[in-house]
């Protein structure tokens, strides 16, 4: 099953070829080791790039739906209500 972001199967990304499916008589050429490793490295780089792009797209979609309704900025001081915060300190004064 192909991954949505990379458009490749995990087996192909790990081993550079698709999984053998039984009694298929297909003639394949075996590339030189250097060519094989270069192709494998390129597929890993493409997969990493595709996963990064998918991550950025998910972040953008998430951030579009979230708004700062209270107008808070980084560095603003706020009060924290500790009603539902429990700690292992012996006294509530020390929290």
Protein backbone atom coordinates (compact mmCIF):
# COMPACT_ATOMS: atom_id res chain seq x y z
CA UNK A 1 0.00 0.00 0.00
CA UNK A 2 1.45 3.36 -1.03
CA UNK A 3 1.92 6.13 1.48
CA UNK A 4 -0.14 9.25 0.75
CA UNK A 5 2.71 11.73 1.12
CA UNK A 6 5.59 9.78 -0.44
CA UNK A 7 3.63 7.88 -3.12
CA UNK A 8 5.89 4.86 -2.44
CA UNK A 9 5.58 1.71 -0.41
CA UNK A 10 7.74 1.46 2.72
CA UNK A 11 9.36 -1.67 1.26
CA UNK A 12 10.48 0.23 -1.85
CA UNK A 13 11.94 3.06 0.25
CA UNK A 14 13.89 0.59 2.39
CA UNK A 15 15.07 -1.84 -0.27
CA UNK A 16 14.89 0.11 -3.54
CA UNK A 17 12.50 -2.28 -5.27
CA UNK A 18 8.97 -3.54 -4.89
CA UNK A 19 8.19 -6.66 -2.91
CA UNK A 20 8.29 -9.88 -4.94
CA UNK A 21 4.77 -11.31 -5.26
CA UNK A 22 5.26 -14.99 -6.13
CA UNK A 23 5.50 -16.78 -9.45
CA UNK A 24 6.14 -13.80 -11.66
CA UNK A 25 8.61 -14.37 -14.45
CA UNK A 26 9.91 -10.89 -15.05
CA UNK A 27 13.35 -10.23 -16.44
CA UNK A 28 15.02 -7.52 -14.45
CA UNK A 29 18.44 -6.02 -14.77
CA UNK A 30 20.48 -5.66 -11.63
CA UNK A 31 22.09 -2.23 -11.50
CA UNK A 32 25.57 -1.66 -10.23
CA UNK A 33 25.80 -1.19 -6.50
CA UNK A 34 26.72 2.49 -6.78
CA UNK A 35 23.77 3.24 -9.06
CA UNK A 36 21.47 1.30 -6.75
CA UNK A 37 22.64 3.23 -3.68
CA UNK A 38 22.36 6.58 -5.47
CA UNK A 39 18.79 5.74 -6.52
CA UNK A 40 17.94 4.63 -2.99
CA UNK A 41 19.39 7.84 -1.54
CA UNK A 42 17.34 9.93 -4.00
CA UNK A 43 14.15 8.11 -3.08
CA UNK A 44 14.85 8.72 0.62
CA UNK A 45 15.45 12.41 -0.04
CA UNK A 46 12.23 12.67 -2.05
CA UNK A 47 10.31 10.87 0.70
CA UNK A 48 11.76 13.20 3.35
CA UNK A 49 10.84 16.22 1.26
CA UNK A 50 7.30 14.90 0.68
CA UNK A 51 6.83 14.24 4.40
CA UNK A 52 8.04 17.77 5.20
CA UNK A 53 5.61 19.26 2.70
CA UNK A 54 2.75 17.18 4.16
CA UNK A 55 3.71 18.35 7.66
CA UNK A 56 3.69 22.01 6.59
CA UNK A 57 0.31 21.57 4.86
CA UNK A 58 -1.21 19.96 7.98
CA UNK A 59 0.22 22.76 10.18
CA UNK A 60 -1.20 25.43 7.86
CA UNK A 61 -4.64 23.79 7.87
CA UNK A 62 -4.56 23.46 11.67
CA UNK A 63 -3.48 27.08 12.17
CA UNK A 64 -6.22 28.41 9.88
CA UNK A 65 -8.89 27.11 12.26
CA UNK A 66 -7.22 28.36 15.43
CA UNK A 67 -7.43 32.01 16.41
CA UNK A 68 -6.14 33.97 19.36
CA UNK A 69 -9.52 35.23 20.58
CA UNK A 70 -8.10 36.80 23.74
CA UNK A 71 -5.49 38.90 21.98
CA UNK A 72 -2.57 37.39 23.87
CA UNK A 73 0.98 37.88 22.65
CA UNK A 74 4.15 36.05 23.52
CA UNK A 75 5.58 37.48 26.74
CA UNK A 76 2.22 38.61 28.19
CA UNK A 77 1.66 37.87 31.87
CA UNK A 78 -1.40 35.78 32.71
CA UNK A 79 -3.03 34.36 35.82
CA UNK A 80 -3.30 30.60 36.03
CA UNK A 81 -6.16 29.07 38.00
CA UNK A 82 -4.74 26.07 39.87
CA UNK A 83 -8.10 24.53 40.78
CA UNK A 84 -7.58 21.36 38.72
CA UNK A 85 -3.80 21.19 38.97
CA UNK A 86 -2.53 18.61 41.43
CA UNK A 87 1.06 18.26 42.61
CA UNK A 88 2.93 16.07 45.06
CA UNK A 89 3.99 18.98 47.29
CA UNK A 90 3.05 18.70 50.99
CA UNK A 91 1.31 22.06 51.14
CA UNK A 92 -0.77 24.03 48.64
CA UNK A 93 1.22 27.14 49.59
CA UNK A 94 4.37 25.64 48.05
CA UNK A 95 2.84 25.09 44.61
